[in-house]
Amino acid sequence: MKWIKRIGAAVLLSGALLALATWISPWPGVLLIRAVFDHGADQASAALAPRVPGGLIVQASIAYDPADKDALLDIYKPASVPAGRPTIVWFHGGGFVSGRRGDVANYLKILAGRGFAVVNVDYTIAPEATYPTPVRQASRALAFLAANARRLGLGAGRFVLAGDSAGAQIAAQTAAVTTNPGYAKAVGVAPDIAADRLAGALLFCGVYDISRMGQGGGILGWFVGAAKWAYSGRRDARDAAGFATMSVAPNVTAQFPPAFITAGNADPLQSQSVALAAALRKRGVPVAELFFPADHRPPLGHEYQFDLGSDAGRDALEKAVAWAKALGQGR
């Protein structure tokens, strides 16, 4: 029986050490989140692979900032893109602490196959870098794309900022920073392109008000706490100077570009998308939204749009494509 007691003691000790490590550093939580998210991303990507169209032109691993090892992007486009159609610039999700551009490559290739040049942008995840590093990187990526639009075959160099989950927040915040000088100053990110280069914002399942995140406790509260710690650089994100400026919804203006916003009915972040849509409409910004009744079946969870085997996923793609095509030459 002694070996049973020893195993029990070892388990208790391991649990205590894990709890202590989680209290001291965000890394244990981040590594767990990455393992779970990476597995889910791999499954979603594999399910989309048969739907990727052939004949796309792919320009891979382009450095948009040679001084930054993480500043890479890929471009997917058909042989011909209709004149005047904006380029879609996408930022991947992952809770700010996980993910890479390869996770969304298949979905973006499918989007490109519908007649768009699509740019898939990588950025530095936390805690390797803290807020607002990804917003600065997004701004530099836009500056690079604008300066090299003709060489890269991106037409007139007008952009739809797009993303999923954390990437939707980065896209929305970059749009807000680009169109609101006071907000840009508060965030500490100087816009690198003129506001009129933004044609729209295509936002899937994002978070837009950090003050409302993680209040319910439970596993979601734990996840939000770990992500906030990693991204802010402080165990209590409220102690991180300027972190509150991460909230986009209170800082949008009438100059924010037209937006398409969606989230599933079973997504814990749906209320964030609804609130952002309302804030934009209040300021006179054109908003196309795709939300679902609370009793929609099957329930649509976070990142529902990547499931193109579902009616809802296909509907989201069709409506987003129609919205982006309608943007045309201007607002």
C-alpha atoms as a PDB file:
ATOM      1  CA  MET A   1       0.000   0.000   0.000  1.00  0.00           C
ATOM      2  CA  LYS A   2       2.993   2.307   0.406  1.00  0.00           C
ATOM      3  CA  TRP A   3       3.312   2.761  -3.379  1.00  0.00           C
ATOM      4  CA  ILE A   4      -0.333   3.887  -3.582  1.00  0.00           C
ATOM      5  CA  LYS A   5       0.322   6.506  -0.918  1.00  0.00           C
ATOM      6  CA  ARG A   6       3.445   7.633  -2.751  1.00  0.00           C
ATOM      7  CA  ILE A   7       1.544   8.000  -6.032  1.00  0.00           C
ATOM      8  CA  GLY A   8      -1.177   9.941  -4.249  1.00  0.00           C
ATOM      9  CA  ALA A   9       1.393  12.234  -2.662  1.00  0.00           C
ATOM     10  CA  ALA A  10       3.096  12.742  -6.032  1.00  0.00           C
ATOM     11  CA  VAL A  11      -0.223  13.654  -7.658  1.00  0.00           C
ATOM     12  CA  LEU A  12      -1.014  16.125  -4.896  1.00  0.00           C
ATOM     13  CA  LEU A  13       2.471  17.630  -5.136  1.00  0.00           C
ATOM     14  CA  SER A  14       2.207  17.925  -8.923  1.00  0.00           C
ATOM     15  CA  GLY A  15      -1.155  19.632  -8.593  1.00  0.00           C
ATOM     16  CA  ALA A  16       0.212  22.037  -6.017  1.00  0.00           C
ATOM     17  CA  LEU A  17       3.235  22.844  -8.181  1.00  0.00           C
ATOM     18  CA  LEU A  18       1.006  23.428 -11.212  1.00  0.00           C
ATOM     19  CA  ALA A  19      -1.257  25.720  -9.201  1.00  0.00           C
ATOM     20  CA  LEU A  20       1.793  27.613  -7.937  1.00  0.00           C
ATOM     21  CA  ALA A  21       3.249  27.912 -11.447  1.00  0.00           C
ATOM     22  CA  THR A  22      -0.075  29.191 -12.753  1.00  0.00           C
ATOM     23  CA  TRP A  23      -0.073  31.830 -10.030  1.00  0.00           C
ATOM     24  CA  ILE A  24       3.511  32.915 -10.727  1.00  0.00           C
ATOM     25  CA  SER A  25       3.503  32.959 -14.541  1.00  0.00           C
ATOM     26  CA  PRO A  26       0.996  33.023 -17.405  1.00  0.00           C
ATOM     27  CA  TRP A  27       2.979  30.386 -19.271  1.00  0.00           C
ATOM     28  CA  PRO A  28       1.299  27.199 -17.905  1.00  0.00           C
ATOM     29  CA  GLY A  29      -2.113  28.552 -18.877  1.00  0.00           C
ATOM     30  CA  VAL A  30      -0.855  29.785 -22.235  1.00  0.00           C
ATOM     31  CA  LEU A  31       0.674  26.417 -23.116  1.00  0.00           C
ATOM     32  CA  LEU A  32      -2.576  24.643 -22.261  1.00  0.00           C
ATOM     33  CA  ILE A  33      -4.585  27.103 -24.364  1.00  0.00           C
ATOM     34  CA  ARG A  34      -2.184  26.670 -27.278  1.00  0.00           C
ATOM     35  CA  ALA A  35      -2.480  22.884 -27.143  1.00  0.00           C
ATOM     36  CA  VAL A  36      -6.285  23.018 -27.196  1.00  0.00           C
ATOM     37  CA  PHE A  37      -6.526  25.778 -29.822  1.00  0.00           C
ATOM     38  CA  ASP A  38      -3.888  24.243 -32.098  1.00  0.00           C
ATOM     39  CA  HIS A  39      -5.746  20.940 -32.113  1.00  0.00           C
ATOM     40  CA  GLY A  40      -9.005  22.655 -33.005  1.00  0.00           C
ATOM     41  CA  ALA A  41      -7.338  24.734 -35.728  1.00  0.00           C
ATOM     42  CA  ASP A  42      -5.776  21.633 -37.276  1.00  0.00           C
ATOM     43  CA  GLN A  43      -9.152  19.901 -37.411  1.00  0.00           C
ATOM     44  CA  ALA A  44     -10.904  22.913 -38.933  1.00  0.00           C
ATOM     45  CA  SER A  45      -8.166  23.356 -41.526  1.00  0.00           C
ATOM     46  CA  ALA A  46      -8.270  19.680 -42.519  1.00  0.00           C
ATOM     47  CA  ALA A  47     -12.053  19.827 -42.970  1.00  0.00           C
ATOM     48  CA  LEU A  48     -11.695  22.808 -45.322  1.00  0.00           C
ATOM     49  CA  ALA A  49      -8.901  21.332 -47.447  1.00  0.00           C
ATOM     50  CA  PRO A  50     -11.178  19.583 -49.987  1.00  0.00           C
ATOM     51  CA  ARG A  51     -12.958  22.892 -50.650  1.00  0.00           C
ATOM     52  CA  VAL A  52      -9.822  24.863 -51.560  1.00  0.00           C
ATOM     53  CA  PRO A  53     -10.033  25.828 -55.239  1.00  0.00           C
ATOM     54  CA  GLY A  54      -7.261  25.166 -57.701  1.00  0.00           C
ATOM     55  CA  GLY A  55      -5.539  27.729 -59.879  1.00  0.00           C
ATOM     56  CA  LEU A  56      -4.814  30.276 -57.157  1.00  0.00           C
ATOM     57  CA  ILE A  57      -1.673  32.395 -57.232  1.00  0.00           C
ATOM     58  CA  VAL A  58       0.106  32.071 -53.879  1.00  0.00           C
ATOM     59  CA  GLN A  59       2.856  34.403 -52.708  1.00  0.00           C
ATOM     60  CA  ALA A  60       4.200  33.003 -49.445  1.00  0.00           C
ATOM     61  CA  SER A  61       6.290  34.263 -46.527  1.00  0.00           C
ATOM     62  CA  ILE A  62       6.621  37.884 -47.622  1.00  0.00           C
ATOM     63  CA  ALA A  63       8.374  40.028 -45.008  1.00  0.00           C
ATOM     64  CA  TYR A  64       6.373  43.182 -44.338  1.00  0.00           C
ATOM     65  CA  ASP A  65       8.927  44.404 -41.788  1.00  0.00           C
ATOM     66  CA  PRO A  66      12.455  42.991 -42.282  1.00  0.00           C
ATOM     67  CA  ALA A  67      13.406  43.983 -38.732  1.00  0.00           C
ATOM     68  CA  ASP A  68      10.682  41.750 -37.218  1.00  0.00           C
ATOM     69  CA  LYS A  69      11.026  37.968 -37.553  1.00  0.00           C
ATOM     70  CA  ASP A  70       7.281  37.454 -37.003  1.00  0.00           C
ATOM     71  CA  ALA A  71       6.243  40.040 -39.605  1.00  0.00           C
ATOM     72  CA  LEU A  72       5.354  37.688 -42.451  1.00  0.00           C
ATOM     73  CA  LEU A  73       2.333  37.488 -44.722  1.00  0.00           C
ATOM     74  CA  ASP A  74       0.969  35.358 -47.538  1.00  0.00           C
ATOM     75  CA  ILE A  75      -1.136  36.504 -50.492  1.00  0.00           C
ATOM     76  CA  TYR A  76      -3.742  34.344 -52.234  1.00  0.00           C
ATOM     77  CA  LYS A  77      -5.543  35.480 -55.365  1.00  0.00           C
ATOM     78  CA  PRO A  78      -7.168  34.144 -58.516  1.00  0.00           C
ATOM     79  CA  ALA A  79      -5.598  34.730 -61.900  1.00  0.00           C
ATOM     80  CA  SER A  80      -7.796  37.786 -62.354  1.00  0.00           C
ATOM     81  CA  VAL A  81      -9.349  40.089 -59.747  1.00  0.00           C
ATOM     82  CA  PRO A  82     -12.090  42.480 -60.949  1.00  0.00           C
ATOM     83  CA  ALA A  83     -10.991  46.113 -61.114  1.00  0.00           C
ATOM     84  CA  GLY A  84     -11.894  48.162 -58.072  1.00  0.00           C
ATOM     85  CA  ARG A  85     -12.327  45.184 -55.760  1.00  0.00           C
ATOM     86  CA  PRO A  86     -10.652  45.804 -52.371  1.00  0.00           C
ATOM     87  CA  THR A  87      -7.992  43.515 -50.948  1.00  0.00           C
ATOM     88  CA  ILE A  88      -9.015  41.550 -47.848  1.00  0.00           C
ATOM     89  CA  VAL A  89      -6.341  41.677 -45.129  1.00  0.00           C
ATOM     90  CA  TRP A  90      -6.958  38.979 -42.506  1.00  0.00           C
ATOM     91  CA  PHE A  91      -5.593  38.509 -38.976  1.00  0.00           C
ATOM     92  CA  HIS A  92      -5.925  35.034 -37.435  1.00  0.00           C
ATOM     93  CA  GLY A  93      -7.511  34.292 -34.068  1.00  0.00           C
ATOM     94  CA  GLY A  94      -6.170  32.417 -31.065  1.00  0.00           C
ATOM     95  CA  GLY A  95      -7.020  34.415 -27.969  1.00  0.00           C
ATOM     96  CA  PHE A  96      -3.948  36.642 -28.491  1.00  0.00           C
ATOM     97  CA  VAL A  97      -1.790  33.809 -27.110  1.00  0.00           C
ATOM     98  CA  SER A  98      -1.927  31.183 -29.857  1.00  0.00           C
ATOM     99  CA  GLY A  99      -2.447  30.708 -33.573  1.00  0.00           C
ATOM    100  CA  ARG A 100      -0.511  31.354 -36.758  1.00  0.00           C
ATOM    101  CA  ARG A 101      -1.455  32.349 -40.253  1.00  0.00           C
ATOM    102  CA  GLY A 102      -1.405  28.756 -41.478  1.00  0.00           C
ATOM    103  CA  ASP A 103      -4.435  28.027 -39.287  1.00  0.00           C
ATOM    104  CA  VAL A 104      -6.718  30.080 -41.539  1.00  0.00           C
ATOM    105  CA  ALA A 105      -4.944  29.564 -44.866  1.00  0.00           C
ATOM    106  CA  ASN A 106      -7.501  27.134 -46.302  1.00  0.00           C
ATOM    107  CA  TYR A 107     -10.466  29.348 -45.435  1.00  0.00           C
ATOM    108  CA  LEU A 108      -8.752  32.371 -46.935  1.00  0.00           C
ATOM    109  CA  LYS A 109      -7.908  30.466 -50.102  1.00  0.00           C
ATOM    110  CA  ILE A 110     -11.591  29.599 -50.421  1.00  0.00           C
ATOM    111  CA  LEU A 111     -12.383  33.297 -49.969  1.00  0.00           C
ATOM    112  CA  ALA A 112      -9.783  34.216 -52.596  1.00  0.00           C
ATOM    113  CA  GLY A 113     -11.415  31.771 -54.967  1.00  0.00           C
ATOM    114  CA  ARG A 114     -14.516  33.938 -54.851  1.00  0.00           C
ATOM    115  CA  GLY A 115     -12.684  36.727 -56.646  1.00  0.00           C
ATOM    116  CA  PHE A 116     -10.505  38.526 -54.118  1.00  0.00           C
ATOM    117  CA  ALA A 117      -6.878  39.109 -53.344  1.00  0.00           C
ATOM    118  CA  VAL A 118      -6.588  37.970 -49.730  1.00  0.00           C
ATOM    119  CA  VAL A 119      -3.634  38.737 -47.466  1.00  0.00           C
ATOM    120  CA  ASN A 120      -2.965  36.435 -44.500  1.00  0.00           C
ATOM    121  CA  VAL A 121      -0.971  38.341 -41.870  1.00  0.00           C
ATOM    122  CA  ASP A 122       1.064  36.925 -38.999  1.00  0.00           C
ATOM    123  CA  TYR A 123       1.769  38.872 -35.814  1.00  0.00           C
ATOM    124  CA  THR A 124       3.543  38.171 -32.534  1.00  0.00           C
ATOM    125  CA  ILE A 125       1.383  36.377 -29.980  1.00  0.00           C
ATOM    126  CA  ALA A 126       1.564  36.834 -26.205  1.00  0.00           C
ATOM    127  CA  PRO A 127       3.389  36.551 -23.902  1.00  0.00           C
ATOM    128  CA  GLU A 128       6.272  36.760 -26.398  1.00  0.00           C
ATOM    129  CA  ALA A 129       4.943  40.266 -27.066  1.00  0.00           C
ATOM    130  CA  THR A 130       2.376  42.342 -25.227  1.00  0.00           C
ATOM    131  CA  TYR A 131      -0.317  44.834 -26.182  1.00  0.00           C
ATOM    132  CA  PRO A 132      -0.374  46.800 -28.455  1.00  0.00           C
ATOM    133  CA  THR A 133       2.382  45.066 -30.457  1.00  0.00           C
ATOM    134  CA  PRO A 134      -0.018  43.259 -32.848  1.00  0.00           C
ATOM    135  CA  VAL A 135      -1.790  46.544 -33.635  1.00  0.00           C
ATOM    136  CA  ARG A 136       1.546  48.151 -34.484  1.00  0.00           C
ATOM    137  CA  GLN A 137       2.398  45.171 -36.669  1.00  0.00           C
ATOM    138  CA  ALA A 138      -0.988  45.393 -38.395  1.00  0.00           C
ATOM    139  CA  SER A 139      -0.378  49.052 -39.144  1.00  0.00           C
ATOM    140  CA  ARG A 140       3.058  48.272 -40.578  1.00  0.00           C
ATOM    141  CA  ALA A 141       1.588  45.479 -42.696  1.00  0.00           C
ATOM    142  CA  LEU A 142      -0.932  47.915 -44.164  1.00  0.00           C
ATOM    143  CA  ALA A 143       1.804  50.446 -44.894  1.00  0.00           C
ATOM    144  CA  PHE A 144       3.815  47.754 -46.692  1.00  0.00           C
ATOM    145  CA  LEU A 145       0.808  46.602 -48.710  1.00  0.00           C
ATOM    146  CA  ALA A 146      -0.153  50.160 -49.658  1.00  0.00           C
ATOM    147  CA  ALA A 147       3.384  51.015 -50.750  1.00  0.00           C
ATOM    148  CA  ASN A 148       3.740  47.806 -52.779  1.00  0.00           C
ATOM    149  CA  ALA A 149       0.185  47.288 -54.005  1.00  0.00           C
ATOM    150  CA  ARG A 150       0.995  47.512 -57.690  1.00  0.00           C
ATOM    151  CA  ARG A 151       4.052  45.252 -57.445  1.00  0.00           C
ATOM    152  CA  LEU A 152       2.070  42.665 -55.477  1.00  0.00           C
ATOM    153  CA  GLY A 153      -0.896  42.793 -57.829  1.00  0.00           C
ATOM    154  CA  LEU A 154      -3.297  44.287 -55.277  1.00  0.00           C
ATOM    155  CA  GLY A 155      -5.056  46.709 -57.580  1.00  0.00           C
ATOM    156  CA  ALA A 156      -5.827  50.144 -56.198  1.00  0.00           C
ATOM    157  CA  GLY A 157      -4.536  49.328 -52.731  1.00  0.00           C
ATOM    158  CA  ARG A 158      -7.800  49.705 -50.792  1.00  0.00           C
ATOM    159  CA  PHE A 159      -8.272  47.274 -47.947  1.00  0.00           C
ATOM    160  CA  VAL A 160     -10.919  45.418 -46.009  1.00  0.00           C
ATOM    161  CA  LEU A 161      -9.518  44.709 -42.554  1.00  0.00           C
ATOM    162  CA  ALA A 162     -10.713  41.261 -41.511  1.00  0.00           C
ATOM    163  CA  GLY A 163     -10.208  38.658 -38.837  1.00  0.00           C
ATOM    164  CA  ASP A 164     -11.653  36.028 -36.557  1.00  0.00           C
ATOM    165  CA  SER A 165     -11.827  36.091 -32.746  1.00  0.00           C
ATOM    166  CA  ALA A 166      -8.670  37.857 -31.486  1.00  0.00           C
ATOM    167  CA  GLY A 167      -7.877  38.686 -35.101  1.00  0.00           C
ATOM    168  CA  ALA A 168     -11.237  40.426 -35.425  1.00  0.00           C
ATOM    169  CA  GLN A 169     -10.302  42.580 -32.439  1.00  0.00           C
ATOM    170  CA  ILE A 170      -6.951  43.442 -34.030  1.00  0.00           C
ATOM    171  CA  ALA A 171      -8.640  44.254 -37.340  1.00  0.00           C
ATOM    172  CA  ALA A 172     -11.316  46.398 -35.673  1.00  0.00           C
ATOM    173  CA  GLN A 173      -8.807  48.197 -33.474  1.00  0.00           C
ATOM    174  CA  THR A 174      -6.541  48.892 -36.429  1.00  0.00           C
ATOM    175  CA  ALA A 175      -9.522  50.366 -38.280  1.00  0.00           C
ATOM    176  CA  ALA A 176     -10.402  52.495 -35.255  1.00  0.00           C
ATOM    177  CA  VAL A 177      -6.815  53.676 -34.800  1.00  0.00           C
ATOM    178  CA  THR A 178      -6.582  54.557 -38.500  1.00  0.00           C
ATOM    179  CA  THR A 179      -9.805  56.589 -38.443  1.00  0.00           C
ATOM    180  CA  ASN A 180      -9.667  58.203 -34.973  1.00  0.00           C
ATOM    181  CA  PRO A 181      -6.512  60.297 -34.313  1.00  0.00           C
ATOM    182  CA  GLY A 182      -7.328  60.791 -30.632  1.00  0.00           C
ATOM    183  CA  TYR A 183      -7.706  57.074 -30.109  1.00  0.00           C
ATOM    184  CA  ALA A 184      -4.488  56.402 -32.020  1.00  0.00           C
ATOM    185  CA  LYS A 185      -2.662  58.723 -29.636  1.00  0.00           C
ATOM    186  CA  ALA A 186      -4.184  57.012 -26.598  1.00  0.00           C
ATOM    187  CA  VAL A 187      -3.200  53.551 -27.884  1.00  0.00           C
ATOM    188  CA  GLY A 188       0.259  54.754 -28.875  1.00  0.00           C
ATOM    189  CA  VAL A 189       0.060  53.541 -32.473  1.00  0.00           C
ATOM    190  CA  ALA A 190       0.541  56.044 -35.259  1.00  0.00           C
ATOM    191  CA  PRO A 191      -1.500  55.061 -38.343  1.00  0.00           C
ATOM    192  CA  ASP A 192       0.711  54.242 -41.311  1.00  0.00           C
ATOM    193  CA  ILE A 193      -1.924  54.707 -44.032  1.00  0.00           C
ATOM    194  CA  ALA A 194      -4.628  57.277 -44.734  1.00  0.00           C
ATOM    195  CA  ALA A 195      -8.124  56.458 -43.526  1.00  0.00           C
ATOM    196  CA  ASP A 196      -9.507  56.554 -47.063  1.00  0.00           C
ATOM    197  CA  ARG A 197      -7.482  53.442 -47.929  1.00  0.00           C
ATOM    198  CA  LEU A 198      -9.862  51.412 -45.741  1.00  0.00           C
ATOM    199  CA  ALA A 199     -12.827  50.049 -47.673  1.00  0.00           C
ATOM    200  CA  GLY A 200     -14.391  48.003 -44.886  1.00  0.00           C
ATOM    201  CA  ALA A 201     -14.063  45.799 -41.805  1.00  0.00           C
ATOM    202  CA  LEU A 202     -15.055  42.109 -41.947  1.00  0.00           C
ATOM    203  CA  LEU A 203     -15.341  40.872 -38.365  1.00  0.00           C
ATOM    204  CA  PHE A 204     -16.070  37.324 -37.201  1.00  0.00           C
ATOM    205  CA  CYS A 205     -16.680  36.431 -33.543  1.00  0.00           C
ATOM    206  CA  GLY A 206     -14.488  39.120 -32.005  1.00  0.00           C
ATOM    207  CA  VAL A 207     -14.043  40.794 -28.622  1.00  0.00           C
ATOM    208  CA  TYR A 208     -14.476  44.550 -28.642  1.00  0.00           C
ATOM    209  CA  ASP A 209     -14.887  45.565 -24.982  1.00  0.00           C
ATOM    210  CA  ILE A 210     -12.231  44.086 -22.726  1.00  0.00           C
ATOM    211  CA  SER A 211     -13.907  45.416 -19.569  1.00  0.00           C
ATOM    212  CA  ARG A 212     -16.773  42.944 -20.058  1.00  0.00           C
ATOM    213  CA  MET A 213     -14.604  39.873 -20.520  1.00  0.00           C
ATOM    214  CA  GLY A 214     -14.281  37.007 -18.032  1.00  0.00           C
ATOM    215  CA  GLN A 215     -16.770  38.280 -15.472  1.00  0.00           C
ATOM    216  CA  GLY A 216     -18.712  35.017 -15.273  1.00  0.00           C
ATOM    217  CA  GLY A 217     -15.911  32.895 -13.816  1.00  0.00           C
ATOM    218  CA  GLY A 218     -15.617  29.205 -14.671  1.00  0.00           C
ATOM    219  CA  ILE A 219     -13.427  27.882 -17.454  1.00  0.00           C
ATOM    220  CA  LEU A 220     -14.119  30.926 -19.651  1.00  0.00           C
ATOM    221  CA  GLY A 221     -13.119  33.222 -16.807  1.00  0.00           C
ATOM    222  CA  TRP A 222      -9.902  31.255 -16.316  1.00  0.00           C
ATOM    223  CA  PHE A 223      -9.107  31.426 -20.029  1.00  0.00           C
ATOM    224  CA  VAL A 224      -9.771  35.159 -20.198  1.00  0.00           C
ATOM    225  CA  GLY A 225      -7.653  35.729 -17.104  1.00  0.00           C
ATOM    226  CA  ALA A 226      -4.708  33.810 -18.568  1.00  0.00           C
ATOM    227  CA  ALA A 227      -4.993  35.594 -21.915  1.00  0.00           C
ATOM    228  CA  LYS A 228      -5.290  39.028 -20.305  1.00  0.00           C
ATOM    229  CA  TRP A 229      -2.242  38.350 -18.129  1.00  0.00           C
ATOM    230  CA  ALA A 230      -0.170  37.228 -21.098  1.00  0.00           C
ATOM    231  CA  TYR A 231      -1.296  40.039 -23.417  1.00  0.00           C
ATOM    232  CA  SER A 232      -1.129  42.842 -20.852  1.00  0.00           C
ATOM    233  CA  GLY A 233       2.078  41.708 -19.168  1.00  0.00           C
ATOM    234  CA  ARG A 234       0.500  42.006 -15.703  1.00  0.00           C
ATOM    235  CA  ARG A 235      -1.239  39.326 -13.652  1.00  0.00           C
ATOM    236  CA  ASP A 236      -4.055  41.788 -13.053  1.00  0.00           C
ATOM    237  CA  ALA A 237      -4.529  43.447 -16.424  1.00  0.00           C
ATOM    238  CA  ARG A 238      -6.050  46.465 -14.675  1.00  0.00           C
ATOM    239  CA  ASP A 239      -2.527  47.263 -13.468  1.00  0.00           C
ATOM    240  CA  ALA A 240      -1.189  47.450 -17.032  1.00  0.00           C
ATOM    241  CA  ALA A 241      -0.957  51.057 -18.146  1.00  0.00           C
ATOM    242  CA  GLY A 242      -3.039  51.687 -21.245  1.00  0.00           C
ATOM    243  CA  PHE A 243      -4.482  48.174 -21.515  1.00  0.00           C
ATOM    244  CA  ALA A 244      -8.029  49.499 -21.256  1.00  0.00           C
ATOM    245  CA  THR A 245      -7.548  51.172 -24.639  1.00  0.00           C
ATOM    246  CA  MET A 246      -7.864  47.685 -26.125  1.00  0.00           C
ATOM    247  CA  SER A 247     -11.646  48.188 -26.058  1.00  0.00           C
ATOM    248  CA  VAL A 248     -12.745  49.225 -29.539  1.00  0.00           C
ATOM    249  CA  ALA A 249     -16.492  49.803 -29.200  1.00  0.00           C
ATOM    250  CA  PRO A 250     -16.214  52.989 -27.086  1.00  0.00           C
ATOM    251  CA  ASN A 251     -13.721  54.496 -29.556  1.00  0.00           C
ATOM    252  CA  VAL A 252     -15.357  54.157 -32.964  1.00  0.00           C
ATOM    253  CA  THR A 253     -16.317  57.275 -34.917  1.00  0.00           C
ATOM    254  CA  ALA A 254     -18.332  58.086 -38.025  1.00  0.00           C
ATOM    255  CA  GLN A 255     -15.110  57.646 -40.042  1.00  0.00           C
ATOM    256  CA  PHE A 256     -14.913  53.918 -39.215  1.00  0.00           C
ATOM    257  CA  PRO A 257     -15.269  51.956 -42.481  1.00  0.00           C
ATOM    258  CA  PRO A 258     -18.437  50.016 -43.378  1.00  0.00           C
ATOM    259  CA  ALA A 259     -18.562  46.787 -41.396  1.00  0.00           C
ATOM    260  CA  PHE A 260     -19.829  43.229 -41.675  1.00  0.00           C
ATOM    261  CA  ILE A 261     -20.174  41.695 -38.201  1.00  0.00           C
ATOM    262  CA  THR A 262     -21.243  38.187 -37.184  1.00  0.00           C
ATOM    263  CA  ALA A 263     -21.146  35.711 -34.303  1.00  0.00           C
ATOM    264  CA  GLY A 264     -22.972  32.496 -33.433  1.00  0.00           C
ATOM    265  CA  ASN A 265     -25.888  32.300 -31.011  1.00  0.00           C
ATOM    266  CA  ALA A 266     -23.938  30.002 -28.649  1.00  0.00           C
ATOM    267  CA  ASP A 267     -20.751  32.067 -28.797  1.00  0.00           C
ATOM    268  CA  PRO A 268     -19.897  33.670 -25.433  1.00  0.00           C
ATOM    269  CA  LEU A 269     -18.687  36.675 -27.456  1.00  0.00           C
ATOM    270  CA  GLN A 270     -21.906  37.222 -29.391  1.00  0.00           C
ATOM    271  CA  SER A 271     -22.965  40.116 -27.148  1.00  0.00           C
ATOM    272  CA  GLN A 272     -19.679  41.859 -27.964  1.00  0.00           C
ATOM    273  CA  SER A 273     -20.419  41.717 -31.687  1.00  0.00           C
ATOM    274  CA  VAL A 274     -23.990  42.946 -31.152  1.00  0.00           C
ATOM    275  CA  ALA A 275     -22.709  45.844 -29.047  1.00  0.00           C
ATOM    276  CA  LEU A 276     -20.094  46.861 -31.628  1.00  0.00           C
ATOM    277  CA  ALA A 277     -22.705  46.797 -34.400  1.00  0.00           C
ATOM    278  CA  ALA A 278     -24.951  49.038 -32.297  1.00  0.00           C
ATOM    279  CA  ALA A 279     -22.100  51.455 -31.527  1.00  0.00           C
ATOM    280  CA  LEU A 280     -21.244  51.772 -35.211  1.00  0.00           C
ATOM    281  CA  ARG A 281     -24.840  52.288 -36.294  1.00  0.00           C
ATOM    282  CA  LYS A 282     -25.230  54.984 -33.633  1.00  0.00           C
ATOM    283  CA  ARG A 283     -22.399  56.881 -35.331  1.00  0.00           C
ATOM    284  CA  GLY A 284     -23.877  56.457 -38.773  1.00  0.00           C
ATOM    285  CA  VAL A 285     -21.492  53.762 -40.017  1.00  0.00           C
ATOM    286  CA  PRO A 286     -23.095  51.305 -42.486  1.00  0.00           C
ATOM    287  CA  VAL A 287     -23.298  47.885 -40.814  1.00  0.00           C
ATOM    288  CA  ALA A 288     -24.267  44.527 -42.291  1.00  0.00           C
ATOM    289  CA  GLU A 289     -24.797  41.981 -39.525  1.00  0.00           C
ATOM    290  CA  LEU A 290     -25.450  38.270 -39.334  1.00  0.00           C
ATOM    291  CA  PHE A 291     -26.772  37.112 -35.973  1.00  0.00           C
ATOM    292  CA  PHE A 292     -29.009  34.198 -35.083  1.00  0.00           C
ATOM    293  CA  PRO A 293     -32.004  33.635 -32.792  1.00  0.00           C
ATOM    294  CA  ALA A 294     -31.197  32.397 -29.308  1.00  0.00           C
ATOM    295  CA  ASP A 295     -33.009  29.135 -30.058  1.00  0.00           C
ATOM    296  CA  HIS A 296     -31.179  28.464 -33.337  1.00  0.00           C
ATOM    297  CA  ARG A 297     -30.451  24.776 -33.786  1.00  0.00           C
ATOM    298  CA  PRO A 298     -27.874  23.491 -33.897  1.00  0.00           C
ATOM    299  CA  PRO A 299     -26.275  26.001 -31.523  1.00  0.00           C
ATOM    300  CA  LEU A 300     -23.548  27.983 -33.273  1.00  0.00           C
ATOM    301  CA  GLY A 301     -20.427  28.277 -31.161  1.00  0.00           C
ATOM    302  CA  HIS A 302     -17.315  30.383 -31.413  1.00  0.00           C
ATOM    303  CA  GLU A 303     -15.811  30.477 -34.924  1.00  0.00           C
ATOM    304  CA  TYR A 304     -18.901  28.803 -36.410  1.00  0.00           C
ATOM    305  CA  GLN A 305     -18.081  30.346 -39.800  1.00  0.00           C
ATOM    306  CA  PHE A 306     -15.208  27.941 -40.444  1.00  0.00           C
ATOM    307  CA  ASP A 307     -17.608  24.987 -40.640  1.00  0.00           C
ATOM    308  CA  LEU A 308     -18.555  25.122 -44.300  1.00  0.00           C
ATOM    309  CA  GLY A 309     -20.287  21.786 -43.915  1.00  0.00           C
ATOM    310  CA  SER A 310     -23.045  23.629 -42.040  1.00  0.00           C
ATOM    311  CA  ASP A 311     -25.803  25.809 -43.466  1.00  0.00           C
ATOM    312  CA  ALA A 312     -24.807  28.654 -41.154  1.00  0.00           C
ATOM    313  CA  GLY A 313     -21.141  28.516 -42.157  1.00  0.00           C
ATOM    314  CA  ARG A 314     -21.994  28.575 -45.847  1.00  0.00           C
ATOM    315  CA  ASP A 315     -24.491  31.396 -45.286  1.00  0.00           C
ATOM    316  CA  ALA A 316     -21.853  33.462 -43.493  1.00  0.00           C
ATOM    317  CA  LEU A 317     -19.405  32.989 -46.356  1.00  0.00           C
ATOM    318  CA  GLU A 318     -21.972  33.851 -49.036  1.00  0.00           C
ATOM    319  CA  LYS A 319     -23.160  36.978 -47.247  1.00  0.00           C
ATOM    320  CA  ALA A 320     -19.625  38.155 -46.441  1.00  0.00           C
ATOM    321  CA  VAL A 321     -18.580  37.680 -50.066  1.00  0.00           C
ATOM    322  CA  ALA A 322     -21.627  39.568 -51.367  1.00  0.00           C
ATOM    323  CA  TRP A 323     -20.992  42.397 -48.896  1.00  0.00           C
ATOM    324  CA  ALA A 324     -17.302  42.689 -49.830  1.00  0.00           C
ATOM    325  CA  LYS A 325     -18.066  42.652 -53.574  1.00  0.00           C
ATOM    326  CA  ALA A 326     -20.626  45.424 -53.092  1.00  0.00           C
ATOM    327  CA  LEU A 327     -18.019  47.721 -51.558  1.00  0.00           C
ATOM    328  CA  GLY A 328     -16.743  48.346 -55.078  1.00  0.00           C
ATOM    329  CA  GLN A 329     -14.636  51.434 -55.565  1.00  0.00           C
ATOM    330  CA  GLY A 330     -15.706  53.378 -52.506  1.00  0.00           C
ATOM    331  CA  ARG A 331     -17.963  53.954 -49.607  1.00  0.00           C
END
